[in-house]
């Protein structure tokens, strides 16, 4: 049987690259969503708010 640290190390070695890819994709998608929300708020909503 593996202890917790050995199991964690083996899992990280197997899926570490996939997790990094997911983190990068999440950052990119979050940035694009934020940019879209900012653009809509600035160009569409703001002129009518005043």
PDB file of N, CA and C in Angstrom:
ATOM      1  N   UNK A   1       0.849  -1.200   0.000  1.00  0.00           N
ATOM      2  CA  UNK A   1       0.000   0.000   0.000  1.00  0.00           C
ATOM      3  C   UNK A   1       0.882   1.247   0.000  1.00  0.00           C
ATOM      4  N   UNK A   2       0.402   2.270  -0.677  1.00  0.00           N
ATOM      5  CA  UNK A   2       1.127   3.533  -0.732  1.00  0.00           C
ATOM      6  C   UNK A   2       0.649   4.446   0.381  1.00  0.00           C
ATOM      7  N   UNK A   3       1.561   5.232   0.910  1.00  0.00           N
ATOM      8  CA  UNK A   3       1.116   6.260   1.843  1.00  0.00           C
ATOM      9  C   UNK A   3       0.628   7.463   1.030  1.00  0.00           C
ATOM     10  N   UNK A   4       0.072   8.443   1.714  1.00  0.00           N
ATOM     11  CA  UNK A   4      -0.562   9.576   1.034  1.00  0.00           C
ATOM     12  C   UNK A   4       0.421  10.357   0.170  1.00  0.00           C
ATOM     13  N   UNK A   5       1.620  10.597   0.667  1.00  0.00           N
ATOM     14  CA  UNK A   5       2.582  11.386  -0.113  1.00  0.00           C
ATOM     15  C   UNK A   5       3.050  10.638  -1.358  1.00  0.00           C
ATOM     16  N   UNK A   6       3.241   9.332  -1.242  1.00  0.00           N
ATOM     17  CA  UNK A   6       3.662   8.548  -2.403  1.00  0.00           C
ATOM     18  C   UNK A   6       2.551   8.484  -3.445  1.00  0.00           C
ATOM     19  N   UNK A   7       1.319   8.320  -3.004  1.00  0.00           N
ATOM     20  CA  UNK A   7       0.185   8.300  -3.926  1.00  0.00           C
ATOM     21  C   UNK A   7       0.037   9.646  -4.622  1.00  0.00           C
ATOM     22  N   UNK A   8       0.158  10.734  -3.872  1.00  0.00           N
ATOM     23  CA  UNK A   8       0.043  12.072  -4.459  1.00  0.00           C
ATOM     24  C   UNK A   8       1.136  12.304  -5.493  1.00  0.00           C
ATOM     25  N   UNK A   9       2.338  11.853  -5.199  1.00  0.00           N
ATOM     26  CA  UNK A   9       3.454  12.030  -6.139  1.00  0.00           C
ATOM     27  C   UNK A   9       3.202  11.267  -7.433  1.00  0.00           C
ATOM     28  N   UNK A  10       2.727  10.035  -7.326  1.00  0.00           N
ATOM     29  CA  UNK A  10       2.459   9.241  -8.526  1.00  0.00           C
ATOM     30  C   UNK A  10       1.330   9.847  -9.353  1.00  0.00           C
ATOM     31  N   UNK A  11       0.299  10.346  -8.690  1.00  0.00           N
ATOM     32  CA  UNK A  11      -0.815  10.980  -9.403  1.00  0.00           C
ATOM     33  C   UNK A  11      -0.344  12.248 -10.098  1.00  0.00           C
ATOM     34  N   UNK A  12       0.431  13.064  -9.415  1.00  0.00           N
ATOM     35  CA  UNK A  12       0.929  14.310 -10.012  1.00  0.00           C
ATOM     36  C   UNK A  12       1.803  14.034 -11.229  1.00  0.00           C
ATOM     37  N   UNK A  13       2.591  12.983 -11.180  1.00  0.00           N
ATOM     38  CA  UNK A  13       3.433  12.649 -12.329  1.00  0.00           C
ATOM     39  C   UNK A  13       2.592  12.234 -13.533  1.00  0.00           C
ATOM     40  N   UNK A  14       1.462  11.581 -13.274  1.00  0.00           N
ATOM     41  CA  UNK A  14       0.615  11.102 -14.366  1.00  0.00           C
ATOM     42  C   UNK A  14      -0.255  12.200 -14.974  1.00  0.00           C
ATOM     43  N   UNK A  15      -0.802  13.085 -14.153  1.00  0.00           N
ATOM     44  CA  UNK A  15      -1.771  14.063 -14.663  1.00  0.00           C
ATOM     45  C   UNK A  15      -1.306  15.505 -14.536  1.00  0.00           C
ATOM     46  N   UNK A  16      -0.066  15.724 -14.181  1.00  0.00           N
ATOM     47  CA  UNK A  16       0.443  17.078 -13.983  1.00  0.00           C
ATOM     48  C   UNK A  16       0.340  17.952 -15.219  1.00  0.00           C
ATOM     49  N   UNK A  17       0.678  17.411 -16.383  1.00  0.00           N
ATOM     50  CA  UNK A  17       0.619  18.195 -17.615  1.00  0.00           C
ATOM     51  C   UNK A  17      -0.818  18.563 -17.953  1.00  0.00           C
ATOM     52  N   UNK A  18      -1.738  17.630 -17.740  1.00  0.00           N
ATOM     53  CA  UNK A  18      -3.147  17.922 -18.014  1.00  0.00           C
ATOM     54  C   UNK A  18      -3.664  19.018 -17.096  1.00  0.00           C
ATOM     55  N   UNK A  19      -3.283  18.972 -15.834  1.00  0.00           N
ATOM     56  CA  UNK A  19      -3.728  20.004 -14.901  1.00  0.00           C
ATOM     57  C   UNK A  19      -3.180  21.370 -15.288  1.00  0.00           C
ATOM     58  N   UNK A  20      -1.949  21.427 -15.741  1.00  0.00           N
ATOM     59  CA  UNK A  20      -1.371  22.697 -16.171  1.00  0.00           C
ATOM     60  C   UNK A  20      -2.117  23.233 -17.384  1.00  0.00           C
ATOM     61  N   UNK A  21      -2.468  22.369 -18.317  1.00  0.00           N
ATOM     62  CA  UNK A  21      -3.232  22.767 -19.499  1.00  0.00           C
ATOM     63  C   UNK A  21      -4.596  23.315 -19.094  1.00  0.00           C
ATOM     64  N   UNK A  22      -5.252  22.671 -18.141  1.00  0.00           N
ATOM     65  CA  UNK A  22      -6.550  23.137 -17.660  1.00  0.00           C
ATOM     66  C   UNK A  22      -6.410  24.498 -16.994  1.00  0.00           C
ATOM     67  N   UNK A  23      -5.366  24.700 -16.214  1.00  0.00           N
ATOM     68  CA  UNK A  23      -5.150  25.997 -15.560  1.00  0.00           C
ATOM     69  C   UNK A  23      -4.948  27.104 -16.583  1.00  0.00           C
ATOM     70  N   UNK A  24      -4.152  26.839 -17.596  1.00  0.00           N
ATOM     71  CA  UNK A  24      -3.897  27.848 -18.634  1.00  0.00           C
ATOM     72  C   UNK A  24      -5.178  28.151 -19.393  1.00  0.00           C
ATOM     73  N   UNK A  25      -5.930  27.116 -19.760  1.00  0.00           N
ATOM     74  CA  UNK A  25      -7.189  27.336 -20.462  1.00  0.00           C
ATOM     75  C   UNK A  25      -8.158  28.142 -19.610  1.00  0.00           C
ATOM     76  N   UNK A  26      -8.218  27.859 -18.332  1.00  0.00           N
ATOM     77  CA  UNK A  26      -9.098  28.610 -17.443  1.00  0.00           C
ATOM     78  C   UNK A  26      -8.717  30.073 -17.369  1.00  0.00           C
ATOM     79  N   UNK A  27      -7.434  30.345 -17.364  1.00  0.00           N
ATOM     80  CA  UNK A  27      -6.963  31.730 -17.334  1.00  0.00           C
ATOM     81  C   UNK A  27      -7.348  32.456 -18.616  1.00  0.00           C
ATOM     82  N   UNK A  28      -7.145  31.800 -19.747  1.00  0.00           N
ATOM     83  CA  UNK A  28      -7.463  32.420 -21.038  1.00  0.00           C
ATOM     84  C   UNK A  28      -8.965  32.658 -21.166  1.00  0.00           C
ATOM     85  N   UNK A  29      -9.765  31.667 -20.828  1.00  0.00           N
ATOM     86  CA  UNK A  29     -11.220  31.812 -20.923  1.00  0.00           C
ATOM     87  C   UNK A  29     -11.709  32.896 -19.970  1.00  0.00           C
ATOM     88  N   UNK A  30     -11.174  32.948 -18.770  1.00  0.00           N
ATOM     89  CA  UNK A  30     -11.556  33.987 -17.818  1.00  0.00           C
ATOM     90  C   UNK A  30     -11.204  35.378 -18.310  1.00  0.00           C
ATOM     91  N   UNK A  31     -10.032  35.512 -18.912  1.00  0.00           N
ATOM     92  CA  UNK A  31      -9.620  36.812 -19.451  1.00  0.00           C
ATOM     93  C   UNK A  31     -10.527  37.239 -20.598  1.00  0.00           C
ATOM     94  N   UNK A  32     -10.856  36.320 -21.478  1.00  0.00           N
ATOM     95  CA  UNK A  32     -11.743  36.649 -22.602  1.00  0.00           C
ATOM     96  C   UNK A  32     -13.147  36.999 -22.121  1.00  0.00           C
ATOM     97  N   UNK A  33     -13.643  36.284 -21.127  1.00  0.00           N
ATOM     98  CA  UNK A  33     -14.962  36.600 -20.580  1.00  0.00           C
ATOM     99  C   UNK A  33     -14.953  37.974 -19.926  1.00  0.00           C
ATOM    100  N   UNK A  34     -13.915  38.280 -19.175  1.00  0.00           N
ATOM    101  CA  UNK A  34     -13.805  39.598 -18.551  1.00  0.00           C
ATOM    102  C   UNK A  34     -13.727  40.708 -19.578  1.00  0.00           C
ATOM    103  N   UNK A  35     -12.974  40.486 -20.645  1.00  0.00           N
ATOM    104  CA  UNK A  35     -12.872  41.474 -21.717  1.00  0.00           C
ATOM    105  C   UNK A  35     -14.221  41.684 -22.398  1.00  0.00           C
ATOM    106  N   UNK A  36     -14.950  40.613 -22.627  1.00  0.00           N
ATOM    107  CA  UNK A  36     -16.268  40.723 -23.254  1.00  0.00           C
ATOM    108  C   UNK A  36     -17.233  41.492 -22.361  1.00  0.00           C
ATOM    109  N   UNK A  37     -17.245  41.199 -21.077  1.00  0.00           N
ATOM    110  CA  UNK A  37     -18.127  41.904 -20.144  1.00  0.00           C
ATOM    111  C   UNK A  37     -17.762  43.377 -20.075  1.00  0.00           C
ATOM    112  N   UNK A  38     -16.485  43.683 -20.001  1.00  0.00           N
ATOM    113  CA  UNK A  38     -16.040  45.077 -19.954  1.00  0.00           C
ATOM    114  C   UNK A  38     -16.444  45.821 -21.230  1.00  0.00           C
ATOM    115  N   UNK A  39     -16.241  45.176 -22.382  1.00  0.00           N
ATOM    116  CA  UNK A  39     -16.572  45.808 -23.657  1.00  0.00           C
ATOM    117  C   UNK A  39     -18.067  46.080 -23.762  1.00  0.00           C
ATOM    118  N   UNK A  40     -18.879  45.116 -23.386  1.00  0.00           N
ATOM    119  CA  UNK A  40     -20.332  45.309 -23.428  1.00  0.00           C
ATOM    120  C   UNK A  40     -20.740  46.418 -22.475  1.00  0.00           C
ATOM    121  N   UNK A  41     -20.192  46.411 -21.283  1.00  0.00           N
ATOM    122  CA  UNK A  41     -20.551  47.435 -20.296  1.00  0.00           C
ATOM    123  C   UNK A  41     -20.121  48.820 -20.752  1.00  0.00           C
ATOM    124  N   UNK A  42     -18.982  48.922 -21.386  1.00  0.00           N
ATOM    125  CA  UNK A  42     -18.460  50.224 -21.805  1.00  0.00           C
ATOM    126  C   UNK A  42     -19.156  50.751 -23.056  1.00  0.00           C
ATOM    127  N   UNK A  43     -19.331  49.906 -24.041  1.00  0.00           N
ATOM    128  CA  UNK A  43     -19.847  50.367 -25.326  1.00  0.00           C
ATOM    129  C   UNK A  43     -21.368  50.343 -25.430  1.00  0.00           C
ATOM    130  N   UNK A  44     -22.020  49.452 -24.730  1.00  0.00           N
ATOM    131  CA  UNK A  44     -23.460  49.288 -24.895  1.00  0.00           C
ATOM    132  C   UNK A  44     -24.240  49.890 -23.739  1.00  0.00           C
ATOM    133  N   UNK A  45     -23.860  49.567 -22.524  1.00  0.00           N
ATOM    134  CA  UNK A  45     -24.659  49.962 -21.365  1.00  0.00           C
ATOM    135  C   UNK A  45     -24.327  51.369 -20.896  1.00  0.00           C
ATOM    136  N   UNK A  46     -23.053  51.739 -20.848  1.00  0.00           N
ATOM    137  CA  UNK A  46     -22.634  53.027 -20.290  1.00  0.00           C
ATOM    138  C   UNK A  46     -23.253  54.238 -20.988  1.00  0.00           C
ATOM    139  N   UNK A  47     -23.369  54.282 -22.321  1.00  0.00           N
ATOM    140  CA  UNK A  47     -23.964  55.470 -22.936  1.00  0.00           C
ATOM    141  C   UNK A  47     -25.415  55.713 -22.520  1.00  0.00           C
ATOM    142  N   UNK A  48     -26.140  54.669 -22.181  1.00  0.00           N
ATOM    143  CA  UNK A  48     -27.543  54.816 -21.792  1.00  0.00           C
ATOM    144  C   UNK A  48     -27.716  55.066 -20.303  1.00  0.00           C
ATOM    145  N   UNK A  49     -26.668  54.841 -19.523  1.00  0.00           N
ATOM    146  CA  UNK A  49     -26.759  55.005 -18.072  1.00  0.00           C
ATOM    147  C   UNK A  49     -26.720  56.471 -17.663  1.00  0.00           C
ATOM    148  N   UNK A  50     -26.139  57.310 -18.461  1.00  0.00           N
ATOM    149  CA  UNK A  50     -25.996  58.723 -18.103  1.00  0.00           C
ATOM    150  C   UNK A  50     -27.165  59.521 -18.509  1.00  0.00           C
TER     151      UNK A  50
END
